[in-house]
Amino acid sequence: QVQLEESGGGSVQAGGSLRLSCVASGISFRINAMGWYRQAPGKQRELVAGISTGGTTNYTDSVKGRFTISRDNAKKTGYLEMNSLKPEDTAVYYCNLRPNTLLYQSGDFGSWGQGTQVTVSS
């Protein structure tokens, strides 16, 4: 059974930092690309950052320079380091694993975690 478990969310003030983790089990982590998504109340889920199996990363414009995605295949864990947080970063953050070829395709592909809440106050 595939499980992705996110952790590291919380409440911080604007300008603060958080580090999200996503631990995978029941799936071959190293052969899957990983994405971090977020969904704010009343908004559609959006891809925040993605990292391919080869380590190539991409970010949505609003987080470039502030967020860093990484992965540790040996630990079957992915990370999202979030710095200089803004109130508009408030959302539930989800990790997702899917094939490389689908990393930047819209759609409910692959496996999802249960989400972790990030709240940034001004």
N, C-alpha and C. Protein backbone atom coordinates (compact mmCIF):
# COMPACT_ATOMS: atom_id res chain seq x y z
N GLN A 1 0.84 -1.18 0.00
CA GLN A 1 0.00 0.00 0.00
C GLN A 1 0.89 1.25 0.00
N VAL A 2 0.61 2.13 -0.94
CA VAL A 2 1.40 3.36 -1.05
C VAL A 2 0.95 4.35 0.02
N GLN A 3 1.93 4.90 0.71
CA GLN A 3 1.64 5.95 1.69
C GLN A 3 2.63 7.08 1.55
N LEU A 4 2.13 8.28 1.54
CA LEU A 4 2.95 9.48 1.59
C LEU A 4 2.52 10.27 2.81
N GLU A 5 3.45 10.55 3.67
CA GLU A 5 3.11 11.24 4.91
C GLU A 5 3.86 12.56 5.00
N GLU A 6 3.11 13.65 4.93
CA GLU A 6 3.70 14.98 5.07
C GLU A 6 3.78 15.39 6.53
N SER A 7 4.75 16.21 6.83
CA SER A 7 4.87 16.79 8.16
C SER A 7 5.62 18.10 8.05
N GLY A 8 5.62 18.86 9.14
CA GLY A 8 6.39 20.10 9.17
C GLY A 8 5.58 21.37 9.03
N GLY A 9 4.29 21.23 8.76
CA GLY A 9 3.46 22.41 8.66
C GLY A 9 3.27 23.07 10.02
N GLY A 10 2.67 24.24 10.01
CA GLY A 10 2.43 24.94 11.26
C GLY A 10 2.04 26.37 11.00
N SER A 11 2.05 27.16 12.06
CA SER A 11 1.70 28.57 11.98
C SER A 11 2.93 29.41 12.24
N VAL A 12 3.19 30.35 11.35
CA VAL A 12 4.34 31.23 11.49
C VAL A 12 3.94 32.64 11.11
N GLN A 13 4.74 33.58 11.51
CA GLN A 13 4.54 34.96 11.10
C GLN A 13 5.21 35.20 9.75
N ALA A 14 4.73 36.21 9.06
CA ALA A 14 5.33 36.57 7.78
C ALA A 14 6.82 36.78 7.93
N GLY A 15 7.56 36.26 6.98
CA GLY A 15 9.01 36.34 7.04
C GLY A 15 9.65 35.11 7.65
N GLY A 16 8.84 34.27 8.24
CA GLY A 16 9.35 33.07 8.88
C GLY A 16 9.63 31.95 7.90
N SER A 17 10.04 30.81 8.46
CA SER A 17 10.43 29.65 7.65
C SER A 17 9.80 28.38 8.18
N LEU A 18 9.59 27.45 7.28
CA LEU A 18 9.15 26.11 7.62
C LEU A 18 9.81 25.13 6.67
N ARG A 19 9.98 23.90 7.13
CA ARG A 19 10.50 22.84 6.28
C ARG A 19 9.53 21.69 6.29
N LEU A 20 8.95 21.42 5.14
CA LEU A 20 8.02 20.31 5.01
C LEU A 20 8.78 19.05 4.60
N SER A 21 8.32 17.91 5.11
CA SER A 21 8.88 16.62 4.74
C SER A 21 7.78 15.72 4.22
N CYS A 22 8.15 14.83 3.34
CA CYS A 22 7.22 13.85 2.79
C CYS A 22 7.92 12.50 2.76
N VAL A 23 7.49 11.58 3.60
CA VAL A 23 8.09 10.25 3.67
C VAL A 23 7.21 9.28 2.90
N ALA A 24 7.84 8.52 2.01
CA ALA A 24 7.11 7.58 1.17
C ALA A 24 7.34 6.15 1.62
N SER A 25 6.30 5.34 1.49
CA SER A 25 6.42 3.90 1.74
C SER A 25 5.52 3.18 0.77
N GLY A 26 5.89 1.93 0.47
CA GLY A 26 5.08 1.12 -0.43
C GLY A 26 5.20 1.52 -1.88
N ILE A 27 6.24 2.28 -2.21
CA ILE A 27 6.43 2.75 -3.57
C ILE A 27 7.92 2.95 -3.80
N SER A 28 8.35 2.76 -5.05
CA SER A 28 9.75 2.98 -5.38
C SER A 28 9.98 4.47 -5.54
N PHE A 29 10.50 5.10 -4.49
CA PHE A 29 10.61 6.55 -4.45
C PHE A 29 11.54 7.08 -5.53
N ARG A 30 12.67 6.40 -5.74
CA ARG A 30 13.72 6.95 -6.60
C ARG A 30 13.32 7.01 -8.08
N ILE A 31 12.35 6.22 -8.50
CA ILE A 31 11.99 6.21 -9.91
C ILE A 31 10.80 7.13 -10.20
N ASN A 32 10.39 7.87 -9.19
CA ASN A 32 9.27 8.79 -9.35
C ASN A 32 9.70 10.23 -9.15
N ALA A 33 9.14 11.09 -9.96
CA ALA A 33 9.29 12.52 -9.72
C ALA A 33 8.39 12.93 -8.57
N MET A 34 8.74 14.03 -7.95
CA MET A 34 7.96 14.50 -6.81
C MET A 34 7.53 15.95 -7.00
N GLY A 35 6.32 16.22 -6.61
CA GLY A 35 5.83 17.57 -6.64
C GLY A 35 5.24 17.97 -5.31
N TRP A 36 5.37 19.22 -4.97
CA TRP A 36 4.67 19.78 -3.82
C TRP A 36 3.57 20.70 -4.37
N TYR A 37 2.36 20.46 -3.92
CA TYR A 37 1.20 21.24 -4.34
C TYR A 37 0.63 21.95 -3.11
N ARG A 38 -0.18 22.94 -3.37
CA ARG A 38 -0.89 23.57 -2.28
C ARG A 38 -2.30 23.97 -2.73
N GLN A 39 -3.18 24.01 -1.75
CA GLN A 39 -4.55 24.42 -2.02
C GLN A 39 -5.02 25.33 -0.91
N ALA A 40 -5.32 26.55 -1.28
CA ALA A 40 -5.85 27.52 -0.33
C ALA A 40 -7.37 27.48 -0.37
N PRO A 41 -8.03 27.91 0.68
CA PRO A 41 -9.50 27.89 0.71
C PRO A 41 -10.10 28.65 -0.47
N GLY A 42 -11.01 27.99 -1.17
CA GLY A 42 -11.68 28.62 -2.29
C GLY A 42 -10.87 28.69 -3.56
N LYS A 43 -9.69 28.09 -3.56
CA LYS A 43 -8.83 28.13 -4.74
C LYS A 43 -8.52 26.72 -5.23
N GLN A 44 -8.10 26.64 -6.47
CA GLN A 44 -7.70 25.36 -7.02
C GLN A 44 -6.33 24.96 -6.51
N ARG A 45 -6.11 23.67 -6.48
CA ARG A 45 -4.79 23.17 -6.12
C ARG A 45 -3.78 23.59 -7.17
N GLU A 46 -2.60 24.02 -6.75
CA GLU A 46 -1.58 24.44 -7.69
C GLU A 46 -0.25 23.75 -7.37
N LEU A 47 0.52 23.52 -8.42
CA LEU A 47 1.85 22.95 -8.26
C LEU A 47 2.79 24.06 -7.82
N VAL A 48 3.44 23.87 -6.71
CA VAL A 48 4.37 24.85 -6.16
C VAL A 48 5.78 24.59 -6.66
N ALA A 49 6.20 23.33 -6.60
CA ALA A 49 7.56 22.97 -6.98
C ALA A 49 7.59 21.51 -7.40
N GLY A 50 8.50 21.20 -8.31
CA GLY A 50 8.66 19.82 -8.75
C GLY A 50 10.13 19.48 -8.87
N ILE A 51 10.44 18.21 -8.66
CA ILE A 51 11.81 17.73 -8.80
C ILE A 51 11.76 16.39 -9.50
N SER A 52 12.54 16.26 -10.56
CA SER A 52 12.56 15.03 -11.34
C SER A 52 13.42 13.98 -10.66
N THR A 53 13.41 12.78 -11.21
CA THR A 53 14.26 11.73 -10.67
C THR A 53 15.73 12.11 -10.80
N GLY A 54 16.06 12.92 -11.77
CA GLY A 54 17.45 13.35 -11.96
C GLY A 54 17.83 14.58 -11.16
N GLY A 55 16.87 15.13 -10.44
CA GLY A 55 17.17 16.28 -9.58
C GLY A 55 16.88 17.63 -10.20
N THR A 56 16.34 17.66 -11.39
CA THR A 56 15.99 18.95 -12.01
C THR A 56 14.76 19.52 -11.31
N THR A 57 14.84 20.80 -10.97
CA THR A 57 13.77 21.43 -10.21
C THR A 57 13.11 22.56 -10.99
N ASN A 58 11.87 22.79 -10.66
CA ASN A 58 11.13 23.92 -11.21
C ASN A 58 10.18 24.44 -10.14
N TYR A 59 9.89 25.74 -10.22
CA TYR A 59 9.06 26.39 -9.23
C TYR A 59 8.04 27.30 -9.89
N THR A 60 6.91 27.44 -9.25
CA THR A 60 5.98 28.44 -9.71
C THR A 60 6.57 29.81 -9.39
N ASP A 61 6.24 30.80 -10.20
CA ASP A 61 6.89 32.10 -10.09
C ASP A 61 6.78 32.73 -8.70
N SER A 62 5.67 32.51 -8.05
CA SER A 62 5.42 33.19 -6.78
C SER A 62 6.32 32.71 -5.64
N VAL A 63 6.99 31.58 -5.82
CA VAL A 63 7.84 31.05 -4.75
C VAL A 63 9.32 31.01 -5.14
N LYS A 64 9.62 31.36 -6.36
CA LYS A 64 11.02 31.33 -6.81
C LYS A 64 11.89 32.21 -5.91
N GLY A 65 13.02 31.66 -5.51
CA GLY A 65 13.93 32.40 -4.64
C GLY A 65 13.61 32.28 -3.17
N ARG A 66 12.44 31.72 -2.85
CA ARG A 66 12.04 31.58 -1.44
C ARG A 66 11.91 30.12 -1.03
N PHE A 67 11.47 29.27 -1.94
CA PHE A 67 11.26 27.85 -1.64
C PHE A 67 12.32 27.01 -2.34
N THR A 68 12.68 25.91 -1.70
CA THR A 68 13.62 24.97 -2.28
C THR A 68 13.09 23.55 -2.11
N ILE A 69 12.98 22.84 -3.22
CA ILE A 69 12.56 21.44 -3.18
C ILE A 69 13.78 20.56 -3.28
N SER A 70 13.77 19.46 -2.55
CA SER A 70 14.89 18.52 -2.60
C SER A 70 14.37 17.12 -2.29
N ARG A 71 15.24 16.15 -2.50
CA ARG A 71 14.85 14.78 -2.24
C ARG A 71 16.06 13.99 -1.76
N ASP A 72 15.78 12.99 -0.93
CA ASP A 72 16.80 12.07 -0.44
C ASP A 72 16.29 10.67 -0.75
N ASN A 73 16.78 10.10 -1.83
CA ASN A 73 16.27 8.80 -2.27
C ASN A 73 16.56 7.70 -1.24
N ALA A 74 17.69 7.79 -0.59
CA ALA A 74 18.03 6.76 0.40
C ALA A 74 17.03 6.75 1.55
N LYS A 75 16.52 7.92 1.90
CA LYS A 75 15.55 8.02 3.00
C LYS A 75 14.11 7.98 2.49
N LYS A 76 13.94 7.91 1.16
CA LYS A 76 12.60 7.92 0.57
C LYS A 76 11.81 9.14 1.07
N THR A 77 12.48 10.25 1.10
CA THR A 77 11.89 11.47 1.67
C THR A 77 12.13 12.66 0.75
N GLY A 78 11.10 13.47 0.62
CA GLY A 78 11.22 14.72 -0.10
C GLY A 78 11.01 15.89 0.85
N TYR A 79 11.53 17.04 0.46
CA TYR A 79 11.48 18.20 1.33
C TYR A 79 11.05 19.43 0.54
N LEU A 80 10.45 20.36 1.28
CA LEU A 80 10.19 21.68 0.73
C LEU A 80 10.60 22.68 1.80
N GLU A 81 11.70 23.36 1.55
CA GLU A 81 12.18 24.39 2.45
C GLU A 81 11.52 25.69 2.04
N MET A 82 10.84 26.33 2.98
CA MET A 82 10.08 27.55 2.68
C MET A 82 10.60 28.68 3.54
N ASN A 83 11.14 29.70 2.90
CA ASN A 83 11.66 30.86 3.60
C ASN A 83 10.90 32.11 3.18
N SER A 84 11.07 33.16 3.96
CA SER A 84 10.41 34.45 3.67
C SER A 84 8.93 34.24 3.39
N LEU A 85 8.30 33.49 4.24
CA LEU A 85 6.90 33.14 4.02
C LEU A 85 6.01 34.38 4.06
N LYS A 86 4.97 34.32 3.22
CA LYS A 86 4.02 35.42 3.10
C LYS A 86 2.62 34.91 3.44
N PRO A 87 1.72 35.79 3.85
CA PRO A 87 0.35 35.34 4.14
C PRO A 87 -0.29 34.60 2.97
N GLU A 88 0.05 34.99 1.75
CA GLU A 88 -0.53 34.31 0.59
C GLU A 88 0.01 32.90 0.38
N ASP A 89 0.98 32.48 1.16
CA ASP A 89 1.45 31.10 1.12
C ASP A 89 0.58 30.19 1.97
N THR A 90 -0.34 30.75 2.71
CA THR A 90 -1.23 29.96 3.56
C THR A 90 -2.05 29.00 2.72
N ALA A 91 -1.97 27.72 3.05
CA ALA A 91 -2.66 26.66 2.29
C ALA A 91 -2.38 25.32 2.94
N VAL A 92 -3.08 24.31 2.46
CA VAL A 92 -2.72 22.94 2.77
C VAL A 92 -1.73 22.49 1.70
N TYR A 93 -0.62 21.95 2.12
CA TYR A 93 0.44 21.52 1.21
C TYR A 93 0.44 20.00 1.11
N TYR A 94 0.52 19.52 -0.13
CA TYR A 94 0.49 18.09 -0.41
C TYR A 94 1.72 17.69 -1.20
N CYS A 95 2.23 16.51 -0.92
CA CYS A 95 3.27 15.97 -1.78
C CYS A 95 2.65 14.91 -2.70
N ASN A 96 3.30 14.74 -3.82
CA ASN A 96 2.79 13.83 -4.85
C ASN A 96 3.96 13.16 -5.53
N LEU A 97 3.82 11.88 -5.80
CA LEU A 97 4.80 11.13 -6.58
C LEU A 97 4.14 10.66 -7.86
N ARG A 98 4.84 10.79 -8.96
CA ARG A 98 4.31 10.37 -10.26
C ARG A 98 5.48 10.18 -11.20
N PRO A 99 5.24 9.51 -12.33
CA PRO A 99 6.33 9.35 -13.31
C PRO A 99 6.86 10.70 -13.80
N ASN A 100 8.13 10.71 -14.15
CA ASN A 100 8.78 11.92 -14.67
C ASN A 100 7.97 12.58 -15.78
N THR A 101 7.47 11.76 -16.69
CA THR A 101 6.80 12.29 -17.87
C THR A 101 5.50 13.02 -17.51
N LEU A 102 5.00 12.79 -16.33
CA LEU A 102 3.75 13.42 -15.91
C LEU A 102 3.94 14.52 -14.88
N LEU A 103 5.19 14.80 -14.56
CA LEU A 103 5.46 15.72 -13.45
C LEU A 103 4.74 17.05 -13.61
N TYR A 104 4.74 17.61 -14.81
CA TYR A 104 4.15 18.93 -15.01
C TYR A 104 2.85 18.87 -15.79
N GLN A 105 2.23 17.68 -15.79
CA GLN A 105 0.92 17.53 -16.43
C GLN A 105 -0.17 17.77 -15.39
N SER A 106 -1.16 18.54 -15.75
CA SER A 106 -2.28 18.73 -14.83
C SER A 106 -3.10 17.45 -14.78
N GLY A 107 -3.61 17.17 -13.63
CA GLY A 107 -4.39 15.95 -13.47
C GLY A 107 -4.04 15.23 -12.20
N ASP A 108 -4.93 14.40 -11.78
CA ASP A 108 -4.80 13.71 -10.50
C ASP A 108 -4.01 12.42 -10.67
N PHE A 109 -2.75 12.54 -11.06
CA PHE A 109 -1.91 11.39 -11.30
C PHE A 109 -1.15 11.00 -10.04
N GLY A 110 -0.75 9.74 -9.99
CA GLY A 110 0.18 9.29 -8.97
C GLY A 110 -0.43 9.18 -7.59
N SER A 111 0.43 9.29 -6.60
CA SER A 111 0.05 9.10 -5.20
C SER A 111 0.16 10.41 -4.43
N TRP A 112 -0.76 10.58 -3.47
CA TRP A 112 -0.85 11.83 -2.72
C TRP A 112 -0.77 11.57 -1.23
N GLY A 113 -0.22 12.53 -0.53
CA GLY A 113 -0.27 12.50 0.92
C GLY A 113 -1.56 13.13 1.41
N GLN A 114 -1.71 13.19 2.73
CA GLN A 114 -2.94 13.69 3.32
C GLN A 114 -2.93 15.21 3.49
N GLY A 115 -1.76 15.79 3.33
CA GLY A 115 -1.64 17.24 3.42
C GLY A 115 -1.20 17.73 4.79
N THR A 116 -0.55 18.87 4.80
CA THR A 116 -0.15 19.51 6.05
C THR A 116 -0.45 21.01 5.93
N GLN A 117 -1.04 21.55 6.97
CA GLN A 117 -1.49 22.95 6.94
C GLN A 117 -0.33 23.90 7.22
N VAL A 118 -0.23 24.91 6.39
CA VAL A 118 0.71 26.00 6.61
C VAL A 118 -0.09 27.29 6.72
N THR A 119 0.09 27.99 7.81
CA THR A 119 -0.62 29.25 8.04
C THR A 119 0.39 30.34 8.33
N VAL A 120 0.33 31.39 7.54
CA VAL A 120 1.26 32.51 7.70
C VAL A 120 0.46 33.76 8.05
N SER A 121 0.78 34.32 9.18
CA SER A 121 0.06 35.52 9.63
C SER A 121 0.89 36.77 9.37
N SER A 122 0.18 37.86 9.16
CA SER A 122 0.88 39.12 8.84
C SER A 122 1.22 39.89 10.10
